[in-house]
Amino acid sequence: MTTSDETAGPLDRYMQVLELVATFPGALTLADVSSLLDLPKTSAHRLLKGLVRAGLAKDSVGGRAYQLGDRLLRLLHATADDGWIAALARAHLQQLTDATSETCYLTRLIGARVVVAISISPDVRWRSYVQPGIEMPVHAAATAKAIIAYQSKAILAEAMSGELPLLTANTRNDRKWIEQELATVRSRGHATCIGEIDEGLAAIAVPIFLSDRRVFYALGMTGPLQRIMNEQLPDRLTALSNVAYVLGNALSIGEKLKSKDVAGS
């Protein structure tokens, strides 16, 4: 494959390198790019570093190999509609709702926003809080905390750059408290919302880890505070974690299939 400065423009050369990185993630080296594209190593290095600076690729294995960057992966994730997510999650949410008699729901990260993808509710009174499409406040909602806790500092800063309203007397919106709360989420593996959106409402949530340990989704349960934050809490957190593990495997496969679909369209 020959790609010289005379036959391809700058954007095309970057795209050709990016296609190679996507084809051989975590294995492609500078020497490989130079050989496969018939480029001087200095040119290959410049192209790879440009992709890394833009967040479209990242180096690994001591800087010797390259894979797709977090910015590009988030873009591919955000382009996927919620239909396939709901299809994969619905049966699991229904079983969880049937077992607990509480509203269960799944949220997803879009840019720096956390949005409900699907919810199953046995009680119409709590359904309005987690309707699909509703944006969850990052400083108060359990599923938002469970996702944002595992994002980069840049995503956290963007998430907190907008208005963070004091929804109830229990809501906190100062950055130091939010950062401490997110650190607590990471240490204990789950998030809570105790009267922070509605004083009579509580929610618990766990992150959903994909196969590469990224977190784009969270699984939550919500209902009256006295029903959620009671002696059943440990069992319910275990149930959420078990379903989150299963969903993590399914959503990982779905992410890969959707990425191929987007790339091929």
Protein backbone atom coordinates (compact mmCIF):
# COMPACT_ATOMS: atom_id res chain seq x y z
CA MET A 1 0.00 0.00 0.00
CA THR A 2 1.61 3.27 -1.07
CA THR A 3 0.57 6.57 0.43
CA SER A 4 2.84 9.44 -0.44
CA ASP A 5 2.42 13.15 0.21
CA GLU A 6 1.62 13.57 -3.50
CA THR A 7 -1.24 11.03 -3.60
CA ALA A 8 -3.10 11.80 -0.37
CA GLY A 9 -4.06 14.91 1.53
CA PRO A 10 -3.35 15.33 5.24
CA LEU A 11 -6.83 14.26 6.39
CA ASP A 12 -6.75 11.16 4.22
CA ARG A 13 -3.38 10.14 5.66
CA TYR A 14 -4.70 10.53 9.20
CA MET A 15 -7.73 8.44 8.28
CA GLN A 16 -5.58 5.67 6.82
CA VAL A 17 -3.53 5.52 10.01
CA LEU A 18 -6.71 5.54 12.11
CA GLU A 19 -8.14 2.67 10.07
CA LEU A 20 -5.01 0.64 10.78
CA VAL A 21 -5.23 1.41 14.50
CA ALA A 22 -8.87 0.27 14.50
CA THR A 23 -7.97 -2.93 12.64
CA PHE A 24 -5.07 -3.88 14.94
CA PRO A 25 -5.90 -2.27 18.31
CA GLY A 26 -3.18 -2.55 20.92
CA ALA A 27 -0.82 -4.27 18.49
CA LEU A 28 0.06 -1.68 15.84
CA THR A 29 3.47 -0.04 16.24
CA LEU A 30 5.19 2.92 14.63
CA ALA A 31 7.25 0.54 12.50
CA ASP A 32 4.06 -1.23 11.36
CA VAL A 33 2.46 2.04 10.23
CA SER A 34 5.62 3.05 8.42
CA SER A 35 5.80 -0.29 6.57
CA LEU A 36 2.11 -0.73 5.79
CA LEU A 37 1.64 2.81 4.47
CA ASP A 38 5.09 3.09 2.91
CA LEU A 39 5.86 6.19 4.97
CA PRO A 40 9.08 7.46 6.50
CA LYS A 41 9.11 6.75 10.22
CA THR A 42 9.21 10.48 10.93
CA SER A 43 5.95 10.96 8.98
CA ALA A 44 4.30 7.95 10.64
CA HIS A 45 5.35 9.26 14.05
CA ARG A 46 3.91 12.70 13.30
CA LEU A 47 0.59 11.24 12.19
CA LEU A 48 0.30 8.93 15.19
CA LYS A 49 1.15 11.68 17.66
CA GLY A 50 -1.38 13.97 15.98
CA LEU A 51 -4.09 11.35 16.51
CA VAL A 52 -3.02 10.88 20.13
CA ARG A 53 -3.13 14.64 20.80
CA ALA A 54 -6.64 14.79 19.33
CA GLY A 55 -7.80 11.90 21.53
CA LEU A 56 -8.54 9.73 18.48
CA ALA A 57 -5.81 7.24 19.35
CA LYS A 58 -3.73 6.45 22.41
CA ASP A 59 -0.43 4.71 22.91
CA SER A 60 0.02 1.71 25.17
CA VAL A 61 2.60 -0.95 26.03
CA GLY A 62 5.14 1.68 27.02
CA GLY A 63 4.24 3.89 24.06
CA ARG A 64 5.14 1.23 21.50
CA ALA A 65 1.64 0.20 20.38
CA TYR A 66 -1.51 2.15 19.59
CA GLN A 67 -5.26 1.71 20.01
CA LEU A 68 -8.37 3.84 19.51
CA GLY A 69 -8.59 6.85 21.81
CA ASP A 70 -11.25 7.61 24.38
CA ARG A 71 -12.55 10.63 22.44
CA LEU A 72 -13.26 8.53 19.36
CA LEU A 73 -14.79 5.72 21.40
CA ARG A 74 -17.13 8.20 23.11
CA LEU A 75 -18.09 9.58 19.70
CA LEU A 76 -18.92 6.12 18.38
CA HIS A 77 -20.85 5.40 21.56
CA ALA A 78 -22.86 8.63 21.29
CA THR A 79 -23.86 7.99 17.67
CA ALA A 80 -25.67 4.78 18.59
CA ASP A 81 -29.41 5.11 19.18
CA ASP A 82 -30.98 3.66 22.31
CA GLY A 83 -32.98 0.96 20.51
CA TRP A 84 -30.35 -1.74 20.69
CA ILE A 85 -29.56 -0.85 24.33
CA ALA A 86 -33.20 -1.25 25.32
CA ALA A 87 -33.42 -4.54 23.41
CA LEU A 88 -30.45 -5.98 25.31
CA ALA A 89 -31.47 -4.64 28.72
CA ARG A 90 -35.26 -4.99 28.82
CA ALA A 91 -35.54 -8.63 29.92
CA HIS A 92 -32.91 -8.17 32.65
CA LEU A 93 -34.62 -5.03 33.97
CA GLN A 94 -37.99 -6.76 33.94
CA GLN A 95 -36.65 -9.67 35.99
CA LEU A 96 -35.07 -7.27 38.47
CA THR A 97 -38.27 -5.26 38.77
CA ASP A 98 -40.35 -8.41 39.21
CA ALA A 99 -38.01 -9.65 41.94
CA THR A 100 -37.88 -6.36 43.89
CA SER A 101 -41.19 -4.66 43.02
CA GLU A 102 -39.20 -1.46 42.48
CA THR A 103 -38.54 0.74 39.44
CA CYS A 104 -35.32 -0.31 37.71
CA TYR A 105 -33.60 1.58 34.91
CA LEU A 106 -30.46 1.89 32.83
CA THR A 107 -28.71 5.15 31.99
CA ARG A 108 -25.99 5.94 29.48
CA LEU A 109 -23.30 8.57 29.01
CA ILE A 110 -23.71 10.92 26.05
CA GLY A 111 -20.81 13.36 25.93
CA ALA A 112 -20.77 14.58 29.53
CA ARG A 113 -24.50 14.05 30.10
CA VAL A 114 -26.19 11.03 31.67
CA VAL A 115 -29.53 10.10 30.11
CA VAL A 116 -32.09 7.37 30.86
CA ALA A 117 -32.07 4.73 28.11
CA ILE A 118 -34.79 2.39 29.43
CA SER A 119 -36.83 1.95 32.59
CA ILE A 120 -39.25 -0.66 33.90
CA SER A 121 -41.65 0.40 36.63
CA PRO A 122 -44.39 -1.45 38.53
CA ASP A 123 -45.70 1.82 39.95
CA VAL A 124 -46.65 4.80 37.76
CA ARG A 125 -45.89 7.21 40.63
CA TRP A 126 -42.13 6.70 40.27
CA ARG A 127 -41.99 6.23 36.51
CA SER A 128 -41.86 9.95 35.73
CA TYR A 129 -38.48 10.33 37.47
CA VAL A 130 -36.75 7.89 35.13
CA GLN A 131 -38.57 8.17 31.81
CA PRO A 132 -36.34 7.33 28.81
CA GLY A 133 -34.67 10.49 27.53
CA ILE A 134 -34.62 12.28 30.88
CA GLU A 135 -31.23 13.76 31.79
CA MET A 136 -30.02 12.82 35.24
CA PRO A 137 -28.37 15.57 37.33
CA VAL A 138 -24.72 14.60 37.70
CA HIS A 139 -24.44 15.99 41.24
CA ALA A 140 -27.56 14.30 42.62
CA ALA A 141 -28.74 11.24 40.67
CA ALA A 142 -27.35 7.85 41.71
CA THR A 143 -26.83 6.53 38.17
CA ALA A 144 -25.16 9.77 37.07
CA LYS A 145 -22.73 9.54 39.98
CA ALA A 146 -22.07 5.87 39.17
CA ILE A 147 -21.04 6.81 35.62
CA ILE A 148 -19.27 10.15 36.12
CA ALA A 149 -17.15 8.67 38.94
CA TYR A 150 -15.24 6.66 36.33
CA GLN A 151 -14.70 9.39 33.73
CA SER A 152 -11.69 11.57 33.01
CA LYS A 153 -11.10 14.93 34.68
CA ALA A 154 -12.07 16.64 31.42
CA ILE A 155 -15.46 14.89 31.32
CA LEU A 156 -16.02 15.67 35.01
CA ALA A 157 -15.23 19.34 34.42
CA GLU A 158 -17.61 19.48 31.46
CA ALA A 159 -20.34 17.70 33.41
CA MET A 160 -20.08 20.22 36.24
CA SER A 161 -19.75 23.28 34.01
CA GLY A 162 -23.51 23.69 33.64
CA GLU A 163 -26.12 24.60 36.21
CA LEU A 164 -26.21 22.31 39.26
CA PRO A 165 -29.51 23.25 40.93
CA LEU A 166 -30.27 22.70 44.59
CA LEU A 167 -33.32 20.49 44.10
CA THR A 168 -34.03 19.78 47.77
CA ALA A 169 -32.55 20.58 51.18
CA ASN A 170 -30.39 17.45 50.74
CA THR A 171 -28.82 18.47 47.42
CA ARG A 172 -25.16 19.53 47.37
CA ASN A 173 -23.55 21.28 44.41
CA ASP A 174 -20.12 22.40 45.63
CA ARG A 175 -17.28 20.84 43.64
CA LYS A 176 -15.29 19.58 46.64
CA TRP A 177 -18.30 17.63 47.96
CA ILE A 178 -19.08 16.21 44.51
CA GLU A 179 -15.50 15.02 44.04
CA GLN A 180 -15.55 13.39 47.49
CA GLU A 181 -18.89 11.75 46.68
CA LEU A 182 -17.50 10.35 43.40
CA ALA A 183 -14.43 9.02 45.22
CA THR A 184 -16.78 7.26 47.66
CA VAL A 185 -18.64 5.72 44.71
CA ARG A 186 -15.38 4.31 43.37
CA SER A 187 -14.32 2.92 46.73
CA ARG A 188 -17.60 1.20 47.65
CA GLY A 189 -18.71 0.30 44.11
CA HIS A 190 -22.17 1.87 44.20
CA ALA A 191 -23.87 5.26 44.35
CA THR A 192 -26.87 6.60 46.23
CA CYS A 193 -29.34 9.44 45.92
CA ILE A 194 -31.02 9.98 49.28
CA GLY A 195 -33.65 12.68 49.00
CA GLU A 196 -31.41 14.73 46.70
CA ILE A 197 -33.90 15.01 43.82
CA ASP A 198 -37.15 14.54 45.75
CA GLU A 199 -37.11 14.45 49.54
CA GLY A 200 -39.29 11.35 49.63
CA LEU A 201 -37.34 9.52 46.92
CA ALA A 202 -34.16 7.45 47.03
CA ALA A 203 -32.14 5.58 44.45
CA ILE A 204 -29.19 3.20 44.38
CA ALA A 205 -27.02 2.46 41.37
CA VAL A 206 -23.98 0.48 40.25
CA PRO A 207 -21.67 1.14 37.30
CA ILE A 208 -21.73 -1.26 34.35
CA PHE A 209 -18.18 -2.12 33.34
CA LEU A 210 -17.62 -3.01 29.69
CA SER A 211 -15.08 -5.67 28.74
CA ASP A 212 -12.31 -3.04 28.56
CA ARG A 213 -13.34 -1.64 31.99
CA ARG A 214 -14.79 1.58 30.56
CA VAL A 215 -18.04 2.82 32.11
CA PHE A 216 -20.65 4.24 29.77
CA TYR A 217 -23.71 2.83 31.57
CA ALA A 218 -25.19 2.44 35.04
CA LEU A 219 -28.00 0.33 36.49
CA GLY A 220 -30.31 1.91 39.02
CA MET A 221 -33.27 1.23 41.30
CA THR A 222 -35.55 3.92 42.72
CA GLY A 223 -38.60 4.27 44.93
CA PRO A 224 -39.79 5.69 48.26
CA LEU A 225 -36.84 6.44 50.53
CA GLN A 226 -38.02 4.17 53.34
CA ARG A 227 -38.36 1.23 50.91
CA ILE A 228 -34.98 1.69 49.21
CA MET A 229 -32.74 2.57 52.17
CA ASN A 230 -33.75 -0.24 54.53
CA GLU A 231 -32.51 -3.67 55.65
CA GLN A 232 -32.93 -5.01 52.11
CA LEU A 233 -30.22 -2.65 50.78
CA PRO A 234 -27.32 -5.17 50.78
CA ASP A 235 -29.37 -7.79 48.92
CA ARG A 236 -30.58 -5.25 46.39
CA LEU A 237 -27.06 -3.98 45.74
CA THR A 238 -25.96 -7.57 45.16
CA ALA A 239 -28.85 -8.09 42.74
CA LEU A 240 -27.95 -4.89 40.88
CA SER A 241 -24.29 -5.90 40.68
CA ASN A 242 -25.14 -9.35 39.33
CA VAL A 243 -27.36 -7.92 36.59
CA ALA A 244 -24.78 -5.21 35.82
CA TYR A 245 -22.16 -7.91 35.23
CA VAL A 246 -24.41 -9.71 32.74
CA LEU A 247 -25.33 -6.45 31.03
CA GLY A 248 -21.67 -5.46 30.83
CA ASN A 249 -20.95 -8.52 28.71
CA ALA A 250 -23.99 -7.96 26.49
CA LEU A 251 -23.39 -4.23 26.04
CA SER A 252 -19.72 -4.84 25.21
CA ILE A 253 -20.79 -7.03 22.31
CA GLY A 254 -23.43 -4.48 21.31
CA GLU A 255 -20.89 -1.63 21.37
CA LYS A 256 -18.57 -3.55 19.04
CA LEU A 257 -21.39 -4.39 16.64
CA LYS A 258 -22.65 -0.80 16.59
CA SER A 259 -19.12 0.52 16.04
CA LYS A 260 -18.78 -1.73 13.00
CA ASP A 261 -22.18 -0.60 11.78
CA VAL A 262 -21.31 3.09 12.16
CA ALA A 263 -17.91 2.61 10.52
CA GLY A 264 -19.46 0.78 7.59
CA SER A 265 -22.33 3.20 6.99
